[in-house]
């Protein structure tokens, strides 16, 4: 049985380690990790500028190439004609593509 999916490629997502700026020099570094399991949390992270854009974090190293991937917005093809599903997919795609350079690690990192 074939898959009945509609999909849209978002672009590349790159990862690098970040750390808090506020860790005193005599303490071990505090590393930040996040796994998003709820759609609302993804929106919250995007709006907050998680990672490079967050004022209390800084890049701790180069990109980790093994973690780079290409995310997709995927819906059931039968459901994508429903207004509410189409609206959600359109808005999510627009939001993610608006921040594509940041996700791909292309936007300048401010480590002042």
Protein backbone atom coordinates (compact mmCIF):
# COMPACT_ATOMS: atom_id res chain seq x y z
CA UNK A 1 0.00 0.00 0.00
CA UNK A 2 1.44 3.37 -1.02
CA UNK A 3 1.65 6.39 1.22
CA UNK A 4 -1.00 9.04 0.73
CA UNK A 5 0.95 12.12 1.81
CA UNK A 6 1.30 15.73 0.75
CA UNK A 7 4.62 17.32 1.73
CA UNK A 8 6.57 20.58 1.53
CA UNK A 9 10.32 20.83 1.96
CA UNK A 10 11.26 23.54 4.47
CA UNK A 11 15.04 23.70 3.96
CA UNK A 12 18.10 22.70 5.97
CA UNK A 13 18.37 22.70 9.74
CA UNK A 14 21.84 22.88 11.25
CA UNK A 15 22.87 22.28 14.84
CA UNK A 16 25.72 23.53 16.98
CA UNK A 17 26.28 23.45 20.71
CA UNK A 18 25.23 26.56 22.62
CA UNK A 19 26.02 27.42 26.21
CA UNK A 20 24.85 29.99 28.70
CA UNK A 21 26.93 33.14 29.04
CA UNK A 22 26.15 33.44 32.75
CA UNK A 23 28.04 30.34 33.90
CA UNK A 24 30.90 31.46 36.20
CA UNK A 25 34.37 30.47 34.98
CA UNK A 26 34.96 28.16 37.95
CA UNK A 27 31.88 26.01 37.18
CA UNK A 28 31.60 23.42 34.41
CA UNK A 29 29.79 24.65 31.31
CA UNK A 30 26.02 24.24 31.30
CA UNK A 31 24.85 22.82 28.00
CA UNK A 32 21.42 23.49 26.54
CA UNK A 33 19.41 20.82 24.72
CA UNK A 34 15.81 20.85 23.57
CA UNK A 35 13.57 18.28 21.98
CA UNK A 36 10.23 19.58 20.78
CA UNK A 37 7.39 17.11 21.15
CA UNK A 38 4.46 19.52 21.08
CA UNK A 39 3.74 21.90 18.19
CA UNK A 40 3.16 24.85 20.53
CA UNK A 41 6.67 24.47 21.96
CA UNK A 42 8.17 24.82 18.49
CA UNK A 43 6.30 28.08 18.01
CA UNK A 44 7.45 29.30 21.44
CA UNK A 45 11.09 28.50 20.63
CA UNK A 46 10.90 30.22 17.24
CA UNK A 47 9.29 33.33 18.68
CA UNK A 48 11.80 33.44 21.52
CA UNK A 49 14.73 33.19 19.11
CA UNK A 50 16.09 30.06 20.74
CA UNK A 51 19.77 29.35 20.34
CA UNK A 52 21.96 31.85 18.50
CA UNK A 53 19.56 34.75 18.87
CA UNK A 54 18.98 34.29 22.60
CA UNK A 55 20.84 37.00 24.57
CA UNK A 56 22.06 34.67 27.34
CA UNK A 57 23.48 32.00 25.02
CA UNK A 58 26.52 31.82 22.79
CA UNK A 59 27.77 29.40 20.17
CA UNK A 60 30.15 26.92 21.81
CA UNK A 61 31.53 25.31 18.66
CA UNK A 62 31.13 24.70 14.96
CA UNK A 63 28.13 23.12 13.29
CA UNK A 64 27.66 19.41 13.97
CA UNK A 65 27.31 18.14 10.37
CA UNK A 66 25.96 14.72 11.40
CA UNK A 67 22.85 16.41 12.81
CA UNK A 68 22.00 18.49 9.71
CA UNK A 69 18.71 17.43 8.16
CA UNK A 70 15.95 18.61 5.84
CA UNK A 71 12.55 18.87 7.58
CA UNK A 72 9.24 18.63 5.78
CA UNK A 73 5.71 19.72 6.62
CA UNK A 74 3.68 16.58 5.93
CA UNK A 75 -0.08 16.06 5.88
CA UNK A 76 -2.36 13.27 4.81
CA UNK A 77 -3.18 13.99 1.17
CA UNK A 78 -6.90 13.39 1.73
CA UNK A 79 -6.97 15.88 4.61
CA UNK A 80 -4.90 18.65 3.01
CA UNK A 81 -7.97 19.89 1.14
CA UNK A 82 -9.74 20.60 4.45
CA UNK A 83 -9.62 24.32 5.16
CA UNK A 84 -8.25 24.04 8.71
CA UNK A 85 -5.52 21.56 7.70
CA UNK A 86 -4.51 23.64 4.68
CA UNK A 87 -4.45 26.81 6.80
CA UNK A 88 -2.25 25.17 9.46
CA UNK A 89 0.15 23.72 6.89
CA UNK A 90 0.38 27.07 5.05
CA UNK A 91 1.02 29.03 8.25
CA UNK A 92 3.56 26.55 9.61
CA UNK A 93 5.41 26.50 6.28
CA UNK A 94 5.45 30.31 6.12
CA UNK A 95 6.73 30.59 9.71
CA UNK A 96 9.49 28.02 9.26
CA UNK A 97 10.62 29.42 5.89
CA UNK A 98 10.73 32.96 7.34
CA UNK A 99 13.43 31.73 9.74
CA UNK A 100 15.16 29.39 7.27
CA UNK A 101 18.52 31.20 7.34
CA UNK A 102 18.64 31.01 11.13
CA UNK A 103 17.78 27.28 11.14
CA UNK A 104 20.43 26.59 8.48
CA UNK A 105 23.09 28.43 10.49
CA UNK A 106 23.49 31.10 7.79
CA UNK A 107 22.33 34.12 9.77
CA UNK A 108 25.22 35.93 11.51
CA UNK A 109 25.73 34.88 15.09
CA UNK A 110 26.09 37.73 17.58
CA UNK A 111 28.49 36.69 20.35
CA UNK A 112 29.36 40.03 21.88
